[in-house]
Amino acid sequence: MSDAQEIVALLAQLPDAEFAAVVAAASDGRAGLAALHAVAQSLTDTLGHAPDVIDVTPDTLPVESYSQSETAGVSGQVGAGPVATGIPVPPAGIPTGPAAGGYTSAGVPTFESVRDKVEQRYGTSQGMGELDRQTPVGRSVEEQWDARAKAARERLDQIRKSMHGNDSE
């Protein structure tokens, strides 16, 4: 018997609810099988069988370890609140207000924290410039700059004088 025939034989032995769950799991994420996945998922929901594989993070506690206030509400969700996907949830015990390092509970930096960082970096830059100017090397650089600027002004004056001398001829 070939592998495909063995798989078909094993699938034929499954009850309808389990078969629909297997088809839904196997077709999940395949664009070409989106219609099949939708039908299999609706059959799974109708037949009342939840898939055996539940996608959870390893940090999820078993159902027995939840306190009474965290049990599922009428909607079947813990806390009976709306479910938002794609938003990182900090682990228990970490403060979640704006005071938690300047980030919101969604992990976005607050305006105040960004402004404070910019002001701190600007102040550091200003202080480093002042310190650099007070060192011997910094003074030397400033003196060189001033000498070059003076030489440039003198050369420009010479060029202007030579240009005015050509105008009179």
N, C-alpha and C. Protein backbone atom coordinates (compact mmCIF):
# COMPACT_ATOMS: atom_id res chain seq x y z
N MET A 1 0.83 -1.17 0.00
CA MET A 1 0.00 0.00 0.00
C MET A 1 0.89 1.24 0.00
N SER A 2 0.49 2.26 -0.75
CA SER A 2 1.29 3.48 -0.80
C SER A 2 0.97 4.37 0.39
N ASP A 3 1.80 5.41 0.58
CA ASP A 3 1.59 6.31 1.71
C ASP A 3 0.25 7.03 1.61
N ALA A 4 -0.12 7.46 0.42
CA ALA A 4 -1.38 8.18 0.23
C ALA A 4 -2.56 7.28 0.57
N GLN A 5 -2.49 6.01 0.18
CA GLN A 5 -3.58 5.08 0.49
C GLN A 5 -3.67 4.83 1.98
N GLU A 6 -2.54 4.77 2.66
CA GLU A 6 -2.55 4.57 4.12
C GLU A 6 -3.17 5.77 4.83
N ILE A 7 -2.83 6.96 4.36
CA ILE A 7 -3.39 8.17 4.97
C ILE A 7 -4.89 8.22 4.74
N VAL A 8 -5.33 7.89 3.53
CA VAL A 8 -6.76 7.88 3.24
C VAL A 8 -7.48 6.87 4.11
N ALA A 9 -6.88 5.69 4.29
CA ALA A 9 -7.51 4.66 5.12
C ALA A 9 -7.64 5.14 6.57
N LEU A 10 -6.60 5.80 7.09
CA LEU A 10 -6.65 6.31 8.46
C LEU A 10 -7.67 7.44 8.61
N LEU A 11 -7.73 8.33 7.61
CA LEU A 11 -8.69 9.42 7.67
C LEU A 11 -10.13 8.91 7.58
N ALA A 12 -10.34 7.86 6.83
CA ALA A 12 -11.68 7.30 6.68
C ALA A 12 -12.20 6.73 7.99
N GLN A 13 -11.30 6.36 8.90
CA GLN A 13 -11.71 5.80 10.18
C GLN A 13 -12.11 6.86 11.20
N LEU A 14 -11.76 8.12 10.93
CA LEU A 14 -12.05 9.20 11.88
C LEU A 14 -13.53 9.55 11.87
N PRO A 15 -14.05 9.95 13.04
CA PRO A 15 -15.42 10.49 13.07
C PRO A 15 -15.46 11.82 12.30
N ASP A 16 -16.67 12.24 11.90
CA ASP A 16 -16.82 13.43 11.07
C ASP A 16 -16.21 14.68 11.72
N ALA A 17 -16.42 14.90 12.99
CA ALA A 17 -15.92 16.11 13.67
C ALA A 17 -14.39 16.14 13.65
N GLU A 18 -13.75 15.01 13.92
CA GLU A 18 -12.29 14.96 13.91
C GLU A 18 -11.73 15.12 12.50
N PHE A 19 -12.41 14.53 11.52
CA PHE A 19 -11.98 14.66 10.14
C PHE A 19 -12.03 16.13 9.69
N ALA A 20 -13.13 16.81 10.04
CA ALA A 20 -13.26 18.23 9.68
C ALA A 20 -12.17 19.05 10.35
N ALA A 21 -11.82 18.71 11.60
CA ALA A 21 -10.76 19.43 12.32
C ALA A 21 -9.41 19.21 11.65
N VAL A 22 -9.15 17.98 11.18
CA VAL A 22 -7.89 17.68 10.50
C VAL A 22 -7.80 18.45 9.18
N VAL A 23 -8.88 18.48 8.42
CA VAL A 23 -8.89 19.19 7.15
C VAL A 23 -8.71 20.69 7.39
N ALA A 24 -9.36 21.22 8.42
CA ALA A 24 -9.22 22.66 8.73
C ALA A 24 -7.77 22.97 9.11
N ALA A 25 -7.16 22.12 9.91
CA ALA A 25 -5.77 22.36 10.32
C ALA A 25 -4.81 22.21 9.15
N ALA A 26 -5.05 21.24 8.28
CA ALA A 26 -4.15 21.00 7.15
C ALA A 26 -4.26 22.09 6.08
N SER A 27 -5.43 22.72 5.95
CA SER A 27 -5.63 23.73 4.91
C SER A 27 -5.41 25.15 5.42
N ASP A 28 -5.11 25.31 6.69
CA ASP A 28 -4.91 26.64 7.27
C ASP A 28 -3.66 27.30 6.66
N GLY A 29 -3.81 28.54 6.20
CA GLY A 29 -2.68 29.29 5.66
C GLY A 29 -2.38 29.01 4.20
N ARG A 30 -3.15 28.19 3.54
CA ARG A 30 -2.93 27.90 2.11
C ARG A 30 -3.96 28.68 1.31
N ALA A 31 -3.46 29.63 0.52
CA ALA A 31 -4.35 30.52 -0.23
C ALA A 31 -5.22 29.76 -1.22
N GLY A 32 -4.67 28.76 -1.86
CA GLY A 32 -5.44 28.00 -2.85
C GLY A 32 -6.53 27.15 -2.24
N LEU A 33 -6.42 26.86 -0.95
CA LEU A 33 -7.40 26.02 -0.26
C LEU A 33 -8.24 26.83 0.72
N ALA A 34 -8.33 28.13 0.52
CA ALA A 34 -9.05 28.99 1.45
C ALA A 34 -10.53 28.59 1.55
N ALA A 35 -11.14 28.26 0.43
CA ALA A 35 -12.56 27.88 0.45
C ALA A 35 -12.74 26.56 1.21
N LEU A 36 -11.86 25.60 0.98
CA LEU A 36 -11.91 24.32 1.69
C LEU A 36 -11.72 24.54 3.18
N HIS A 37 -10.78 25.41 3.53
CA HIS A 37 -10.52 25.70 4.95
C HIS A 37 -11.76 26.32 5.60
N ALA A 38 -12.41 27.25 4.91
CA ALA A 38 -13.61 27.89 5.46
C ALA A 38 -14.71 26.87 5.70
N VAL A 39 -14.92 25.97 4.75
CA VAL A 39 -15.96 24.94 4.91
C VAL A 39 -15.60 24.00 6.05
N ALA A 40 -14.35 23.56 6.10
CA ALA A 40 -13.93 22.63 7.16
C ALA A 40 -14.03 23.30 8.52
N GLN A 41 -13.68 24.58 8.60
CA GLN A 41 -13.77 25.29 9.88
C GLN A 41 -15.22 25.43 10.32
N SER A 42 -16.11 25.75 9.37
CA SER A 42 -17.53 25.88 9.75
C SER A 42 -18.11 24.52 10.16
N LEU A 43 -17.68 23.45 9.50
CA LEU A 43 -18.13 22.11 9.91
C LEU A 43 -17.61 21.77 11.31
N THR A 44 -16.38 22.12 11.57
CA THR A 44 -15.80 21.86 12.89
C THR A 44 -16.59 22.60 13.96
N ASP A 45 -16.93 23.86 13.68
CA ASP A 45 -17.72 24.65 14.64
C ASP A 45 -19.12 24.07 14.80
N THR A 46 -19.72 23.64 13.68
CA THR A 46 -21.08 23.10 13.72
C THR A 46 -21.12 21.77 14.46
N LEU A 47 -20.15 20.91 14.21
CA LEU A 47 -20.14 19.59 14.83
C LEU A 47 -19.66 19.65 16.27
N GLY A 48 -19.16 20.80 16.69
CA GLY A 48 -18.81 20.99 18.10
C GLY A 48 -17.50 20.36 18.51
N HIS A 49 -16.59 20.19 17.60
CA HIS A 49 -15.30 19.60 17.96
C HIS A 49 -14.23 20.66 17.80
N ALA A 50 -13.52 20.91 18.86
CA ALA A 50 -12.41 21.85 18.79
C ALA A 50 -11.17 21.11 18.33
N PRO A 51 -10.29 21.74 17.58
CA PRO A 51 -9.08 21.05 17.15
C PRO A 51 -8.23 20.63 18.35
N ASP A 52 -7.53 19.50 18.19
CA ASP A 52 -6.72 18.98 19.27
C ASP A 52 -5.49 19.85 19.52
N VAL A 53 -5.00 20.52 18.50
CA VAL A 53 -3.80 21.34 18.62
C VAL A 53 -4.23 22.77 18.90
N ILE A 54 -3.83 23.29 20.06
CA ILE A 54 -4.15 24.66 20.43
C ILE A 54 -2.87 25.46 20.39
N ASP A 55 -2.86 26.55 19.63
CA ASP A 55 -1.66 27.36 19.47
C ASP A 55 -1.60 28.37 20.62
N VAL A 56 -0.75 28.11 21.61
CA VAL A 56 -0.57 29.02 22.75
C VAL A 56 0.91 29.21 22.99
N THR A 57 1.23 30.25 23.70
CA THR A 57 2.62 30.48 24.05
C THR A 57 3.01 29.56 25.20
N PRO A 58 4.30 29.25 25.36
CA PRO A 58 4.72 28.35 26.43
C PRO A 58 4.48 28.93 27.82
N ASP A 59 4.30 30.25 27.93
CA ASP A 59 4.09 30.87 29.23
C ASP A 59 2.65 30.75 29.72
N THR A 60 1.76 30.19 28.91
CA THR A 60 0.36 30.08 29.30
C THR A 60 0.22 29.06 30.44
N LEU A 61 -0.51 29.46 31.46
CA LEU A 61 -0.72 28.59 32.61
C LEU A 61 -1.83 27.59 32.32
N PRO A 62 -1.78 26.41 32.93
CA PRO A 62 -2.89 25.47 32.76
C PRO A 62 -4.17 26.06 33.37
N VAL A 63 -5.31 25.57 32.92
CA VAL A 63 -6.59 26.10 33.35
C VAL A 63 -6.74 26.02 34.87
N GLU A 64 -6.19 24.99 35.51
CA GLU A 64 -6.34 24.82 36.95
C GLU A 64 -5.67 25.95 37.73
N SER A 65 -4.66 26.58 37.19
CA SER A 65 -3.90 27.57 37.94
C SER A 65 -4.48 28.97 37.88
N TYR A 66 -5.53 29.21 37.09
CA TYR A 66 -6.15 30.53 37.05
C TYR A 66 -6.99 30.75 38.29
N SER A 67 -6.99 32.00 38.77
CA SER A 67 -7.83 32.31 39.93
C SER A 67 -9.28 32.40 39.49
N GLN A 68 -10.17 32.47 40.45
CA GLN A 68 -11.60 32.50 40.16
C GLN A 68 -11.98 33.73 39.35
N SER A 69 -11.29 34.89 39.56
CA SER A 69 -11.63 36.11 38.84
C SER A 69 -11.18 36.06 37.38
N GLU A 70 -10.31 35.12 37.03
CA GLU A 70 -9.80 35.04 35.67
C GLU A 70 -10.51 33.97 34.83
N THR A 71 -11.56 33.38 35.33
CA THR A 71 -12.24 32.34 34.57
C THR A 71 -12.99 32.96 33.41
N ALA A 72 -13.31 32.14 32.44
CA ALA A 72 -13.96 32.61 31.22
C ALA A 72 -15.35 33.13 31.52
N GLY A 73 -15.72 34.20 30.84
CA GLY A 73 -17.04 34.80 31.00
C GLY A 73 -18.02 34.19 30.01
N VAL A 74 -19.11 34.91 29.79
CA VAL A 74 -20.17 34.44 28.90
C VAL A 74 -19.65 34.24 27.49
N SER A 75 -18.75 35.12 27.03
CA SER A 75 -18.26 35.04 25.66
C SER A 75 -17.24 33.93 25.48
N GLY A 76 -16.80 33.29 26.57
CA GLY A 76 -15.80 32.25 26.46
C GLY A 76 -14.39 32.77 26.58
N GLN A 77 -14.22 34.08 26.70
CA GLN A 77 -12.90 34.69 26.82
C GLN A 77 -12.61 34.98 28.29
N VAL A 78 -11.37 34.85 28.67
CA VAL A 78 -10.97 35.19 30.02
C VAL A 78 -11.19 36.67 30.20
N GLY A 79 -11.88 37.05 31.27
CA GLY A 79 -12.17 38.45 31.52
C GLY A 79 -13.35 38.96 30.71
N ALA A 80 -13.85 38.19 29.78
CA ALA A 80 -15.02 38.52 28.95
C ALA A 80 -14.88 39.86 28.24
N GLY A 81 -13.66 40.30 27.98
CA GLY A 81 -13.44 41.56 27.28
C GLY A 81 -13.16 41.32 25.82
N PRO A 82 -13.05 42.40 25.06
CA PRO A 82 -12.74 42.24 23.63
C PRO A 82 -11.32 41.71 23.44
N VAL A 83 -11.14 40.94 22.41
CA VAL A 83 -9.84 40.35 22.12
C VAL A 83 -9.16 41.16 21.04
N ALA A 84 -7.94 41.61 21.30
CA ALA A 84 -7.16 42.35 20.32
C ALA A 84 -5.95 41.52 19.95
N THR A 85 -5.76 41.28 18.66
CA THR A 85 -4.63 40.48 18.22
C THR A 85 -3.49 41.39 17.81
N GLY A 86 -2.28 40.90 17.95
CA GLY A 86 -1.12 41.64 17.50
C GLY A 86 -0.59 42.66 18.49
N ILE A 87 -1.21 42.77 19.68
CA ILE A 87 -0.75 43.72 20.68
C ILE A 87 0.02 42.94 21.74
N PRO A 88 1.28 43.31 21.99
CA PRO A 88 2.05 42.59 23.00
C PRO A 88 1.48 42.83 24.39
N VAL A 89 1.39 41.77 25.17
CA VAL A 89 0.89 41.85 26.53
C VAL A 89 2.05 41.59 27.47
N PRO A 90 2.34 42.54 28.38
CA PRO A 90 3.47 42.32 29.29
C PRO A 90 3.15 41.21 30.26
N PRO A 91 4.16 40.48 30.73
CA PRO A 91 3.94 39.43 31.70
C PRO A 91 3.41 40.00 33.01
N ALA A 92 2.78 39.15 33.81
CA ALA A 92 2.23 39.58 35.08
C ALA A 92 3.33 40.09 35.99
N GLY A 93 3.02 41.13 36.77
CA GLY A 93 3.99 41.66 37.71
C GLY A 93 4.76 42.84 37.18
N ILE A 94 4.62 43.18 35.91
CA ILE A 94 5.32 44.33 35.34
C ILE A 94 4.31 45.47 35.24
N PRO A 95 4.64 46.68 35.77
CA PRO A 95 3.68 47.78 35.67
C PRO A 95 3.41 48.13 34.22
N THR A 96 2.15 48.52 33.92
CA THR A 96 1.77 48.76 32.53
C THR A 96 1.39 50.19 32.23
N GLY A 97 1.50 51.11 33.17
CA GLY A 97 1.12 52.50 32.94
C GLY A 97 2.23 53.25 32.22
N PRO A 98 1.98 54.56 31.96
CA PRO A 98 3.00 55.36 31.31
C PRO A 98 4.28 55.47 32.13
N ALA A 99 4.20 55.20 33.43
CA ALA A 99 5.37 55.31 34.28
C ALA A 99 6.33 54.14 34.09
N ALA A 100 5.94 53.15 33.32
CA ALA A 100 6.78 51.96 33.13
C ALA A 100 7.82 52.23 32.05
N GLY A 101 8.81 53.04 32.37
CA GLY A 101 9.89 53.28 31.43
C GLY A 101 9.53 54.17 30.26
N GLY A 102 8.43 54.93 30.35
CA GLY A 102 8.05 55.83 29.29
C GLY A 102 7.36 55.16 28.12
N TYR A 103 6.79 53.99 28.33
CA TYR A 103 6.10 53.27 27.27
C TYR A 103 4.65 53.03 27.68
N THR A 104 3.74 53.03 26.71
CA THR A 104 2.35 52.71 26.99
C THR A 104 2.21 51.20 27.17
N SER A 105 1.02 50.77 27.55
CA SER A 105 0.79 49.34 27.74
C SER A 105 0.93 48.57 26.43
N ALA A 106 0.81 49.26 25.29
CA ALA A 106 0.96 48.62 23.98
C ALA A 106 2.42 48.61 23.52
N GLY A 107 3.32 49.18 24.32
CA GLY A 107 4.74 49.15 23.98
C GLY A 107 5.20 50.33 23.13
N VAL A 108 4.38 51.38 23.04
CA VAL A 108 4.73 52.55 22.25
C VAL A 108 5.32 53.61 23.18
N PRO A 109 6.44 54.23 22.81
CA PRO A 109 7.01 55.26 23.68
C PRO A 109 6.08 56.47 23.79
N THR A 110 6.02 57.05 25.00
CA THR A 110 5.18 58.23 25.19
C THR A 110 5.89 59.46 24.65
N PHE A 111 5.11 60.51 24.35
CA PHE A 111 5.67 61.75 23.83
C PHE A 111 6.65 62.35 24.83
N GLU A 112 6.30 62.29 26.11
CA GLU A 112 7.16 62.87 27.14
C GLU A 112 8.51 62.16 27.20
N SER A 113 8.51 60.83 27.08
CA SER A 113 9.77 60.11 27.16
C SER A 113 10.65 60.41 25.95
N VAL A 114 10.05 60.57 24.77
CA VAL A 114 10.83 60.90 23.58
C VAL A 114 11.41 62.30 23.71
N ARG A 115 10.58 63.24 24.19
CA ARG A 115 11.06 64.61 24.36
C ARG A 115 12.20 64.66 25.38
N ASP A 116 12.07 63.92 26.48
CA ASP A 116 13.14 63.88 27.49
C ASP A 116 14.44 63.32 26.91
N LYS A 117 14.34 62.29 26.10
CA LYS A 117 15.54 61.72 25.50
C LYS A 117 16.22 62.71 24.56
N VAL A 118 15.42 63.42 23.76
CA VAL A 118 15.98 64.40 22.83
C VAL A 118 16.66 65.53 23.61
N GLU A 119 15.99 66.03 24.65
CA GLU A 119 16.58 67.11 25.46
C GLU A 119 17.86 66.65 26.14
N GLN A 120 17.88 65.42 26.63
CA GLN A 120 19.08 64.90 27.28
C GLN A 120 20.23 64.80 26.29
N ARG A 121 19.96 64.31 25.10
CA ARG A 121 21.02 64.19 24.09
C ARG A 121 21.52 65.57 23.65
N TYR A 122 20.61 66.54 23.53
CA TYR A 122 21.02 67.89 23.14
C TYR A 122 21.90 68.50 24.23
N GLY A 123 21.50 68.34 25.49
CA GLY A 123 22.29 68.85 26.60
C GLY A 123 23.67 68.21 26.66
N THR A 124 23.71 66.91 26.44
CA THR A 124 25.00 66.20 26.43
C THR A 124 25.89 66.73 25.31
N SER A 125 25.30 66.96 24.15
CA SER A 125 26.06 67.48 23.01
C SER A 125 26.61 68.87 23.31
N GLN A 126 25.78 69.73 23.89
CA GLN A 126 26.23 71.08 24.24
C GLN A 126 27.37 71.02 25.26
N GLY A 127 27.23 70.18 26.26
CA GLY A 127 28.26 70.05 27.29
C GLY A 127 29.57 69.53 26.73
N MET A 128 29.48 68.55 25.82
CA MET A 128 30.70 68.01 25.21
C MET A 128 31.41 69.08 24.38
N GLY A 129 30.66 69.93 23.70
CA GLY A 129 31.26 71.01 22.92
C GLY A 129 32.00 71.99 23.82
N GLU A 130 31.37 72.34 24.95
CA GLU A 130 32.02 73.26 25.89
C GLU A 130 33.30 72.65 26.46
N LEU A 131 33.23 71.38 26.82
CA LEU A 131 34.43 70.73 27.36
C LEU A 131 35.54 70.64 26.32
N ASP A 132 35.16 70.35 25.07
CA ASP A 132 36.16 70.26 24.00
C ASP A 132 36.88 71.58 23.79
N ARG A 133 36.13 72.68 23.87
CA ARG A 133 36.75 73.99 23.66
C ARG A 133 37.71 74.37 24.78
N GLN A 134 37.60 73.77 25.95
CA GLN A 134 38.45 74.12 27.08
C GLN A 134 39.70 73.27 27.18
N THR A 135 39.83 72.27 26.36
CA THR A 135 41.04 71.44 26.37
C THR A 135 42.09 72.09 25.49
N PRO A 136 43.37 71.77 25.70
CA PRO A 136 44.42 72.34 24.84
C PRO A 136 44.21 72.02 23.36
N VAL A 137 43.79 70.81 23.06
CA VAL A 137 43.56 70.43 21.67
C VAL A 137 42.39 71.24 21.10
N GLY A 138 41.34 71.41 21.90
CA GLY A 138 40.19 72.19 21.45
C GLY A 138 40.56 73.63 21.20
N ARG A 139 41.36 74.23 22.09
CA ARG A 139 41.79 75.60 21.88
C ARG A 139 42.65 75.70 20.63
N SER A 140 43.50 74.70 20.41
CA SER A 140 44.36 74.69 19.24
C SER A 140 43.53 74.65 17.96
N VAL A 141 42.49 73.86 17.96
CA VAL A 141 41.61 73.75 16.79
C VAL A 141 40.94 75.09 16.53
N GLU A 142 40.46 75.74 17.60
CA GLU A 142 39.82 77.05 17.42
C GLU A 142 40.81 78.08 16.90
N GLU A 143 42.03 78.03 17.40
CA GLU A 143 43.05 78.97 16.92
C GLU A 143 43.36 78.73 15.45
N GLN A 144 43.44 77.46 15.06
CA GLN A 144 43.68 77.14 13.65
C GLN A 144 42.52 77.63 12.79
N TRP A 145 41.30 77.47 13.27
CA TRP A 145 40.13 77.91 12.52
C TRP A 145 40.17 79.43 12.34
N ASP A 146 40.46 80.13 13.44
CA ASP A 146 40.53 81.59 13.36
C ASP A 146 41.64 82.04 12.40
N ALA A 147 42.80 81.37 12.44
CA ALA A 147 43.90 81.73 11.55
C ALA A 147 43.51 81.51 10.09
N ARG A 148 42.84 80.43 9.79
CA ARG A 148 42.40 80.16 8.42
C ARG A 148 41.36 81.17 7.97
N ALA A 149 40.45 81.52 8.87
CA ALA A 149 39.42 82.50 8.51
C ALA A 149 40.07 83.85 8.23
N LYS A 150 41.05 84.24 9.04
CA LYS A 150 41.76 85.52 8.83
C LYS A 150 42.51 85.50 7.49
N ALA A 151 43.18 84.38 7.19
CA ALA A 151 43.90 84.25 5.92
C ALA A 151 42.93 84.32 4.74
N ALA A 152 41.78 83.71 4.89
CA ALA A 152 40.78 83.72 3.81
C ALA A 152 40.27 85.13 3.58
N ARG A 153 40.01 85.89 4.67
CA ARG A 153 39.55 87.28 4.52
C ARG A 153 40.62 88.14 3.83
N GLU A 154 41.90 87.95 4.24
CA GLU A 154 42.99 88.72 3.62
C GLU A 154 43.11 88.40 2.13
N ARG A 155 43.01 87.15 1.78
CA ARG A 155 43.11 86.75 0.37
C ARG A 155 41.95 87.34 -0.43
N LEU A 156 40.75 87.33 0.16
CA LEU A 156 39.58 87.90 -0.51
C LEU A 156 39.77 89.40 -0.73
N ASP A 157 40.32 90.08 0.27
CA ASP A 157 40.60 91.51 0.11
C ASP A 157 41.61 91.75 -1.02
N GLN A 158 42.62 90.92 -1.11
CA GLN A 158 43.62 91.04 -2.19
C GLN A 158 42.96 90.87 -3.56
N ILE A 159 42.08 89.88 -3.66
CA ILE A 159 41.40 89.62 -4.94
C ILE A 159 40.53 90.81 -5.30
N ARG A 160 39.82 91.37 -4.32
CA ARG A 160 38.96 92.53 -4.60
C ARG A 160 39.80 93.72 -5.06
N LYS A 161 40.94 93.95 -4.39
CA LYS A 161 41.81 95.07 -4.78
C LYS A 161 42.34 94.88 -6.19
N SER A 162 42.72 93.63 -6.52
CA SER A 162 43.24 93.39 -7.86
C SER A 162 42.12 93.58 -8.90
N MET A 163 40.89 93.25 -8.55
CA MET A 163 39.77 93.41 -9.48
C MET A 163 39.50 94.90 -9.69
N HIS A 164 39.57 95.70 -8.62
CA HIS A 164 39.33 97.13 -8.74
C HIS A 164 40.45 97.77 -9.54
N GLY A 165 41.69 97.24 -9.40
CA GLY A 165 42.81 97.78 -10.16
C GLY A 165 42.63 97.53 -11.65
N ASN A 166 42.04 96.41 -12.03
CA ASN A 166 41.79 96.10 -13.44
C ASN A 166 40.68 96.96 -14.01
N ASP A 167 39.74 97.39 -13.17
CA ASP A 167 38.61 98.19 -13.66
C ASP A 167 39.06 99.57 -14.10
N SER A 168 40.09 100.11 -13.44
CA SER A 168 40.54 101.48 -13.77
C SER A 168 41.33 101.51 -15.06
N GLU A 169 41.87 100.45 -15.51
CA GLU A 169 42.71 100.43 -16.73
C GLU A 169 41.90 100.45 -17.98
